[in-house]
Protein backbone atom coordinates (compact mmCIF):
# COMPACT_ATOMS: atom_id res chain seq x y z
CA MET A 1 -20.29 3.05 29.88
CA ALA A 2 -17.68 0.66 28.49
CA GLU A 3 -20.27 -0.90 26.18
CA ASP A 4 -21.32 2.55 24.95
CA SER A 5 -17.71 3.49 24.17
CA ASP A 6 -17.23 0.23 22.27
CA MET A 7 -20.24 1.04 20.07
CA GLU A 8 -19.06 4.55 19.18
CA LYS A 9 -17.16 4.87 15.92
CA THR A 10 -14.05 6.53 17.31
CA GLU A 11 -11.31 4.52 15.57
CA ASP A 12 -9.81 5.22 12.15
CA ALA A 13 -10.64 2.71 9.45
CA SER A 14 -8.25 -0.20 9.18
CA PRO A 15 -6.38 -0.88 5.90
CA LYS A 16 -8.58 -3.96 5.42
CA ARG A 17 -11.79 -1.90 5.73
CA LEU A 18 -10.48 0.70 3.26
CA GLU A 19 -9.37 -2.00 0.82
CA LYS A 20 -12.80 -3.63 0.99
CA ALA A 21 -14.50 -0.29 0.35
CA ARG A 22 -12.22 0.29 -2.62
CA GLU A 23 -13.06 -3.11 -4.07
CA GLU A 24 -16.74 -2.12 -3.89
CA GLY A 25 -16.01 1.11 -5.77
CA ASP A 26 -16.36 3.29 -2.67
CA VAL A 27 -13.54 5.86 -2.93
CA PRO A 28 -13.40 9.60 -2.16
CA ARG A 29 -14.41 11.80 -5.06
CA SER A 30 -14.63 15.58 -5.55
CA ARG A 31 -17.11 16.63 -8.23
CA GLU A 32 -16.10 20.26 -7.76
CA LEU A 33 -12.46 19.49 -8.59
CA ALA A 34 -13.50 17.50 -11.67
CA ALA A 35 -15.82 20.26 -12.92
CA CYS A 36 -13.22 22.95 -12.30
CA ALA A 37 -10.52 20.96 -14.14
CA VAL A 38 -12.78 20.32 -17.15
CA LEU A 39 -13.84 23.97 -17.45
CA PHE A 40 -10.35 25.38 -16.94
CA VAL A 41 -8.61 23.02 -19.39
CA SER A 42 -11.40 23.50 -21.94
CA GLY A 43 -10.92 27.27 -21.72
CA LEU A 44 -7.17 26.95 -22.27
CA ALA A 45 -7.75 24.59 -25.19
CA MET A 46 -10.18 27.09 -26.73
CA MET A 47 -7.55 29.81 -26.47
CA MET A 48 -4.91 27.65 -28.19
CA LEU A 49 -7.20 26.07 -30.80
CA GLY A 50 -9.66 28.94 -31.27
CA LYS A 51 -8.06 30.42 -34.40
CA PRO A 52 -7.70 27.10 -36.28
CA MET A 53 -11.28 26.20 -35.43
CA ALA A 54 -12.54 29.64 -36.49
CA ASP A 55 -10.68 29.35 -39.80
CA ALA A 56 -12.11 25.87 -40.32
CA MET A 57 -15.64 27.09 -39.60
CA LYS A 58 -15.12 29.98 -42.00
CA ASN A 59 -14.02 27.59 -44.76
CA VAL A 60 -16.92 25.26 -44.04
CA LEU A 61 -19.38 28.15 -44.20
CA LYS A 62 -17.85 29.35 -47.43
CA GLN A 63 -18.03 25.90 -49.01
CA GLY A 64 -21.60 25.49 -47.82
CA LEU A 65 -22.74 28.70 -49.48
CA GLN A 66 -20.66 28.35 -52.65
CA PHE A 67 -21.05 25.19 -54.70
CA ASP A 68 -21.48 24.12 -58.33
CA ARG A 69 -25.01 24.48 -59.69
CA THR A 70 -24.91 20.86 -60.84
CA LEU A 71 -25.09 19.78 -57.20
CA ALA A 72 -28.61 21.21 -57.00
CA PHE A 73 -29.75 18.74 -59.66
CA GLU A 74 -27.76 15.72 -58.40
CA PRO A 75 -28.89 14.72 -54.89
CA SER A 76 -26.17 12.05 -54.63
CA LEU A 77 -23.43 14.60 -55.34
CA LEU A 78 -25.00 17.04 -52.89
CA ILE A 79 -24.94 14.41 -50.13
CA VAL A 80 -21.25 13.71 -50.85
CA HIS A 81 -20.54 17.42 -50.70
CA MET A 82 -22.33 17.80 -47.37
CA LEU A 83 -20.48 14.79 -45.92
CA LYS A 84 -17.17 16.39 -46.87
CA VAL A 85 -18.22 19.61 -45.18
CA VAL A 86 -19.21 17.73 -42.01
CA GLU A 87 -15.93 15.76 -42.11
CA GLN A 88 -13.90 18.97 -42.27
CA LEU A 89 -15.88 20.35 -39.34
CA MET A 90 -15.28 17.18 -37.31
CA TRP A 91 -11.52 17.26 -37.97
CA ALA A 92 -11.44 20.91 -36.93
CA PHE A 93 -13.11 20.19 -33.58
CA LEU A 94 -11.43 16.79 -32.98
CA PRO A 95 -8.43 18.14 -30.97
CA LEU A 96 -10.74 20.05 -28.62
CA ALA A 97 -13.02 17.02 -28.24
CA VAL A 98 -10.07 14.72 -27.45
CA ILE A 99 -8.74 17.13 -24.82
CA MET A 100 -12.15 17.52 -23.18
CA VAL A 101 -12.77 13.75 -23.12
CA ALA A 102 -9.31 13.09 -21.66
CA VAL A 103 -9.78 15.67 -18.91
CA ALA A 104 -13.34 14.47 -18.20
CA VAL A 105 -11.98 10.91 -17.68
CA ALA A 106 -8.86 11.89 -15.72
CA ALA A 107 -10.31 14.65 -13.51
CA PRO A 108 -12.58 12.47 -11.34
CA VAL A 109 -9.70 10.13 -10.40
CA MET A 110 -7.48 12.97 -9.16
CA VAL A 111 -8.93 12.23 -5.71
CA GLY A 112 -9.27 8.55 -4.81
CA GLY A 113 -7.43 7.14 -7.80
CA TRP A 114 -8.61 4.82 -10.56
CA VAL A 115 -10.94 2.00 -9.57
CA MET A 116 -12.31 -0.73 -11.83
CA THR A 117 -15.01 -2.82 -10.18
CA GLN A 118 -18.21 -4.54 -11.25
CA LYS A 119 -19.90 -4.16 -7.87
CA SER A 120 -20.71 -0.51 -8.47
CA LEU A 121 -22.53 -1.53 -11.68
CA MET A 122 -24.80 -4.01 -9.90
CA PRO A 123 -28.34 -2.78 -9.15
CA GLN A 124 -28.90 -1.74 -5.53
CA PHE A 125 -32.60 -1.97 -4.72
CA SER A 126 -32.04 -0.25 -1.37
CA ARG A 127 -31.74 3.01 -3.30
CA LEU A 128 -35.40 2.64 -4.29
CA ASN A 129 -36.48 2.93 -0.68
CA PRO A 130 -38.49 6.23 -0.44
CA MET A 131 -37.89 6.56 3.31
CA LYS A 132 -34.17 6.32 2.84
CA GLY A 133 -34.40 8.87 0.04
CA LEU A 134 -36.23 11.30 2.33
CA GLY A 135 -33.58 10.74 4.97
CA ASN A 136 -30.84 11.58 2.49
CA LEU A 137 -32.76 14.66 1.40
CA PHE A 138 -32.56 16.16 4.87
CA SER A 139 -29.13 14.80 5.77
CA LYS A 140 -25.99 16.70 6.67
CA ASN A 141 -24.48 15.88 3.28
CA SER A 142 -27.48 17.39 1.46
CA LEU A 143 -27.13 20.56 3.51
CA VAL A 144 -23.45 20.80 2.60
CA GLU A 145 -24.23 20.27 -1.10
CA LEU A 146 -26.87 23.01 -0.91
CA LEU A 147 -24.40 25.41 0.67
CA LYS A 148 -21.83 24.57 -2.01
CA SER A 149 -24.36 25.25 -4.78
CA ILE A 150 -25.26 28.60 -3.25
CA ALA A 151 -21.58 29.47 -2.85
CA LYS A 152 -20.86 28.55 -6.49
CA THR A 153 -23.81 30.61 -7.70
CA VAL A 154 -22.79 33.65 -5.67
CA LEU A 155 -19.14 33.31 -6.70
CA VAL A 156 -19.82 32.86 -10.41
CA ALA A 157 -22.37 35.68 -10.44
CA SER A 158 -19.98 38.03 -8.60
CA VAL A 159 -17.08 37.27 -10.93
CA ALA A 160 -19.27 37.60 -14.03
CA TYR A 161 -20.66 40.92 -12.77
CA ALA A 162 -17.16 42.22 -12.12
CA ILE A 163 -16.00 41.21 -15.61
CA VAL A 164 -19.00 42.75 -17.35
CA LYS A 165 -18.74 45.94 -15.30
CA LYS A 166 -15.04 46.29 -16.11
CA ASP A 167 -15.45 45.76 -19.89
CA LEU A 168 -18.95 47.18 -20.35
CA GLU A 169 -17.96 50.39 -22.16
CA PRO A 170 -15.54 48.68 -24.61
CA MET A 171 -18.17 46.01 -25.31
CA LEU A 172 -20.84 48.64 -26.05
CA GLY A 173 -18.43 50.26 -28.51
CA LEU A 174 -17.96 47.09 -30.53
CA SER A 175 -20.85 48.00 -32.82
CA ALA A 176 -18.79 50.89 -34.20
CA THR A 177 -15.72 48.74 -34.99
CA PRO A 178 -15.05 46.80 -38.21
CA LEU A 179 -16.60 43.34 -38.37
CA GLU A 180 -13.38 41.30 -38.11
CA THR A 181 -12.03 43.50 -35.30
CA GLY A 182 -15.33 43.28 -33.43
CA ILE A 183 -15.46 39.48 -33.73
CA SER A 184 -11.86 39.20 -32.53
CA ASN A 185 -12.55 41.46 -29.53
CA ILE A 186 -15.70 39.59 -28.60
CA SER A 187 -13.73 36.31 -28.75
CA ASP A 188 -11.08 37.76 -26.44
CA TYR A 189 -13.69 38.99 -23.96
CA MET A 190 -15.44 35.60 -23.93
CA GLN A 191 -12.22 33.63 -23.46
CA THR A 192 -10.97 35.90 -20.69
CA GLY A 193 -14.32 35.82 -18.90
CA PHE A 194 -14.61 32.05 -19.22
CA LEU A 195 -11.12 31.42 -17.82
CA THR A 196 -11.65 33.91 -15.00
CA ILE A 197 -14.89 32.22 -13.93
CA ALA A 198 -13.26 28.77 -14.18
CA SER A 199 -10.35 30.03 -12.07
CA ALA A 200 -12.79 31.30 -9.47
CA LEU A 201 -14.19 27.80 -9.12
CA VAL A 202 -10.75 26.69 -7.92
CA VAL A 203 -11.68 28.24 -4.55
CA ILE A 204 -14.65 25.87 -4.26
CA ALA A 205 -12.52 22.89 -5.34
CA VAL A 206 -9.76 23.69 -2.81
CA ILE A 207 -12.36 23.65 -0.03
CA ASP A 208 -14.24 20.63 -1.34
CA VAL A 209 -11.27 18.23 -1.69
CA PRO A 210 -10.26 18.22 2.02
CA TYR A 211 -13.93 18.07 3.00
CA GLN A 212 -14.53 14.99 0.83
CA LEU A 213 -11.46 13.27 2.30
CA TYR A 214 -12.67 14.11 5.80
CA GLN A 215 -16.18 12.82 5.02
CA TYR A 216 -14.76 9.60 3.61
CA ALA A 217 -12.64 9.05 6.73
CA GLN A 218 -15.65 9.73 8.98
CA LYS A 219 -17.88 7.44 6.95
CA HIS A 220 -15.53 4.47 7.36
CA LYS A 221 -14.63 4.94 11.02
CA MET A 222 -14.93 1.82 13.13
CA THR A 223 -15.87 0.94 16.67
CA LYS A 224 -13.37 -0.69 19.00
CA GLN A 225 -15.40 -3.88 18.84
CA GLU A 226 -15.25 -3.91 15.04
CA LEU A 227 -11.47 -3.56 15.20
CA LYS A 228 -11.26 -6.46 17.64
CA ASP A 229 -13.54 -8.63 15.49
CA GLU A 230 -11.54 -7.81 12.37
CA SER A 231 -8.28 -8.63 14.14
CA LYS A 232 -9.69 -11.98 15.27
CA GLU A 233 -10.97 -12.70 11.78
CA SER A 234 -7.65 -11.95 10.11
CA GLU A 235 -5.30 -13.37 12.73
CA GLY A 236 -7.48 -15.95 14.44
CA SER A 237 -8.44 -16.33 18.09
CA PRO A 238 -5.69 -16.63 20.75
CA GLU A 239 -6.59 -20.30 21.29
CA VAL A 240 -6.17 -21.09 17.60
CA LYS A 241 -2.93 -19.13 17.42
CA GLY A 242 -1.67 -20.99 20.49
CA ARG A 243 -2.40 -24.35 18.89
CA ILE A 244 -0.70 -23.24 15.68
CA ARG A 245 2.40 -22.16 17.58
CA GLN A 246 2.44 -25.47 19.44
CA GLN A 247 2.26 -27.40 16.19
CA GLN A 248 5.02 -25.26 14.73
CA ARG A 249 7.22 -26.01 17.75
CA GLU A 250 6.51 -29.72 17.36
CA MET A 251 7.42 -29.65 13.68
CA ALA A 252 10.61 -27.71 14.41
CA ARG A 253 11.50 -30.21 17.14
CA ARG A 254 10.99 -33.17 14.78
CA ARG A 255 13.16 -31.51 12.12
CA MET A 256 15.80 -30.84 14.77
CA MET A 257 15.84 -34.46 15.89
CA THR A 258 16.42 -35.66 12.31
CA ASN A 259 19.60 -33.54 12.22
CA VAL A 260 21.14 -35.17 15.32
CA PRO A 261 22.64 -38.14 13.35
CA THR A 262 24.52 -35.64 11.14
CA ALA A 263 26.30 -34.06 14.13
CA ASP A 264 29.99 -34.67 14.93
CA VAL A 265 29.54 -34.42 18.69
CA VAL A 266 26.84 -33.83 21.32
CA ILE A 267 28.04 -31.66 24.19
CA THR A 268 26.14 -32.23 27.45
CA ASN A 269 25.75 -30.77 30.95
CA PRO A 270 25.63 -33.87 31.56
CA THR A 271 21.85 -34.30 32.19
CA HIS A 272 20.11 -30.93 31.81
CA TYR A 273 21.62 -29.63 28.54
CA ALA A 274 22.50 -31.24 25.21
CA VAL A 275 23.81 -29.41 22.13
CA ALA A 276 24.64 -31.20 18.86
CA VAL A 277 27.43 -29.56 16.83
CA ARG A 278 28.50 -30.24 13.26
CA TYR A 279 31.45 -28.96 11.24
CA LYS A 280 32.12 -29.77 7.61
CA GLU A 281 35.06 -27.99 6.03
CA GLY A 282 33.87 -25.82 3.14
CA GLU A 283 30.20 -26.06 4.19
CA THR A 284 30.29 -23.22 6.70
CA GLY A 285 32.87 -20.86 8.07
CA ALA A 286 32.46 -22.14 11.63
CA PRO A 287 30.76 -25.07 13.40
CA ILE A 288 26.96 -24.89 13.55
CA VAL A 289 24.43 -26.06 16.12
CA VAL A 290 22.05 -28.59 14.53
CA ALA A 291 20.07 -29.50 17.67
CA LYS A 292 19.76 -28.32 21.27
CA GLY A 293 17.47 -28.84 24.23
CA VAL A 294 17.07 -29.13 27.98
CA ASP A 295 15.75 -31.86 30.25
CA ALA A 296 13.43 -34.22 28.25
CA ILE A 297 14.56 -32.88 24.87
CA ALA A 298 18.20 -33.15 25.95
CA LEU A 299 17.59 -36.77 26.92
CA LYS A 300 16.01 -37.47 23.53
CA ILE A 301 19.01 -35.90 21.74
CA ARG A 302 21.40 -38.12 23.71
CA GLU A 303 19.32 -41.22 22.91
CA ILE A 304 19.31 -40.49 19.16
CA ALA A 305 23.05 -39.76 19.28
CA ALA A 306 23.68 -43.11 20.97
CA GLU A 307 21.55 -44.94 18.37
CA HIS A 308 23.58 -43.42 15.51
CA GLN A 309 26.96 -43.67 17.26
CA VAL A 310 27.42 -39.91 17.54
CA MET A 311 29.96 -39.14 20.27
CA THR A 312 28.62 -37.55 23.47
CA LEU A 313 31.03 -35.45 25.48
CA GLU A 314 30.47 -33.76 28.84
CA SER A 315 31.39 -30.08 29.06
CA PRO A 316 28.79 -28.39 31.29
CA LYS A 317 29.95 -24.80 30.90
CA LEU A 318 30.30 -25.05 27.11
CA ALA A 319 26.93 -26.80 26.76
CA ARG A 320 25.17 -24.03 28.69
CA ALA A 321 26.94 -21.30 26.69
CA LEU A 322 26.11 -22.89 23.32
CA TYR A 323 22.47 -23.42 24.29
CA ALA A 324 22.06 -19.81 25.47
CA HIS A 325 23.92 -17.98 22.69
CA THR A 326 23.46 -20.00 19.47
CA GLU A 327 20.34 -20.42 17.34
CA LEU A 328 19.57 -23.60 15.44
CA GLU A 329 21.33 -23.91 12.07
CA HIS A 330 23.51 -20.89 12.99
CA GLU A 331 27.24 -20.66 13.49
CA ILE A 332 28.59 -20.62 17.03
CA PRO A 333 29.72 -17.25 18.54
CA GLN A 334 33.30 -16.24 17.85
CA ALA A 335 34.04 -16.23 21.59
CA LEU A 336 33.43 -20.01 21.66
CA TYR A 337 35.61 -20.88 18.65
CA ALA A 338 38.57 -22.01 20.77
CA ALA A 339 36.46 -24.19 23.11
CA VAL A 340 34.53 -25.90 20.31
CA ALA A 341 37.69 -26.29 18.20
CA GLU A 342 39.35 -28.14 21.12
CA ILE A 343 36.33 -30.46 21.41
CA LEU A 344 36.17 -31.16 17.66
CA ALA A 345 39.91 -31.73 17.44
CA TYR A 346 39.60 -34.42 20.12
CA VAL A 347 36.63 -36.00 18.27
CA PHE A 348 38.44 -36.11 14.91
CA GLN A 349 41.67 -37.42 16.48
CA LEU A 350 39.70 -40.12 18.30
CA ARG A 351 38.16 -41.26 15.02
CA VAL A 352 41.61 -41.58 13.45
CA PHE A 353 42.84 -43.51 16.49
CA LYS A 354 39.93 -45.97 16.31
CA GLN A 355 40.51 -46.57 12.60
CA HIS A 356 44.32 -46.65 12.36
CA GLY A 357 45.57 -46.97 15.94
CA GLY A 358 48.47 -44.97 17.32
CA ILE A 359 48.51 -42.72 20.36
CA GLN A 360 45.10 -42.21 21.97
CA PRO A 361 44.26 -38.48 22.28
CA ALA A 362 43.70 -37.00 25.72
CA LYS A 363 40.16 -36.04 26.58
CA PRO A 364 39.84 -32.22 26.84
CA ASP A 365 39.25 -30.83 30.28
CA ASN A 366 38.27 -27.30 31.31
CA VAL A 367 37.89 -25.92 27.77
CA PRO A 368 38.13 -22.11 27.66
CA VAL A 369 34.59 -20.69 27.98
CA PRO A 370 34.17 -16.98 28.92
CA ASP A 371 32.15 -16.51 32.11
CA ALA A 372 30.11 -13.81 30.33
CA LEU A 373 28.60 -16.52 28.09
CA ASP A 374 27.73 -18.94 30.89
CA PRO A 375 24.14 -18.36 32.18
CA HIS A 376 24.97 -19.98 35.53
CA ALA A 377 27.97 -17.68 36.05
CA LEU A 378 25.80 -14.62 35.34
CA LEU A 379 23.17 -15.76 37.85
CA ALA A 380 25.82 -16.37 40.48
CA ALA A 381 27.49 -12.98 40.00
CA PRO A 382 25.08 -10.91 42.22
CA ALA A 383 25.36 -13.43 45.06
CA SER A 384 29.17 -13.27 44.91
CA ALA A 385 29.04 -9.48 44.95
CA THR A 386 26.80 -9.54 48.05
CA GLU A 387 29.17 -11.86 49.85
CA PHE A 388 32.11 -9.62 48.94
CA GLU A 389 30.38 -6.64 50.47
């Protein structure tokens, strides 16, 4: 049962799967939305540009029927005249053509966005497989497309019938009206009918867009095993990640050890903890921890400090607090300012004494460290409370 559930495509597509599909030109598209947008915008453009285009066609027709008799005897002049007529006609229809081309290019990318890829242009010989073609012919998608076509036909026919029925009597009376009035009325009827039918197709587009998005999501669903394999492929196996983390820890440890000689003092536990602290006036606002470790690492820090004559000072409580509450290359907590300042003051005074003599400073004892920052004090607190009870 577990194997069967792993093979079922129940999981949503991962971002990587969707990105790969997009790179291959596989994005959701709604042909109904594109067709509706082209028809509707074309109808509006015809309403706005209809009169200028009609006037241009009238002028072209007039120029085509009226010309100088010399043109009939000069073929070259007649060709020039015809080219001018065609040029005027092209300029008259150019705005409408530009609008239609722009909408035809922009409408398909309203769902799925713009995608430029060469993979969709490559020949796919699998599409030539007749068995696969027969399978697509009787697929669920073909049935849906058939239902959409029937719905569009019924909708367009119903709207057209309603328009014709409503304006049938006025349209039959056009033969009795003057020519210009009749042409104007026919143009109005055609424009209104065209826009009404195009608006009716919005219903199909509104249904088709969510369906196409749903189909796209279903098409790219993944099994649980595919998600696991993809995760391993992108992030690597746990063993590899473990080795990488180990190497990263080793590199960080080596970098840390190189910073020990730059420390002013190494505060110890004395054997389990070692924390190297540095303070340079103007470099940071407070002392920073440049190295820290326990057990073997602490021993290594003490050895490097001894090699480079960095002072080592025992302060168990402070060493534990610094190790627990300060990250590498970060400033110490404000609650430990006083304790660390007392240690550093002793270190700096001792340096002056060794160089110039004078009164030897007293070694600090019991520096002020809050119990709340000492891990050992926190662990001992429950036991003390039990004894008190």
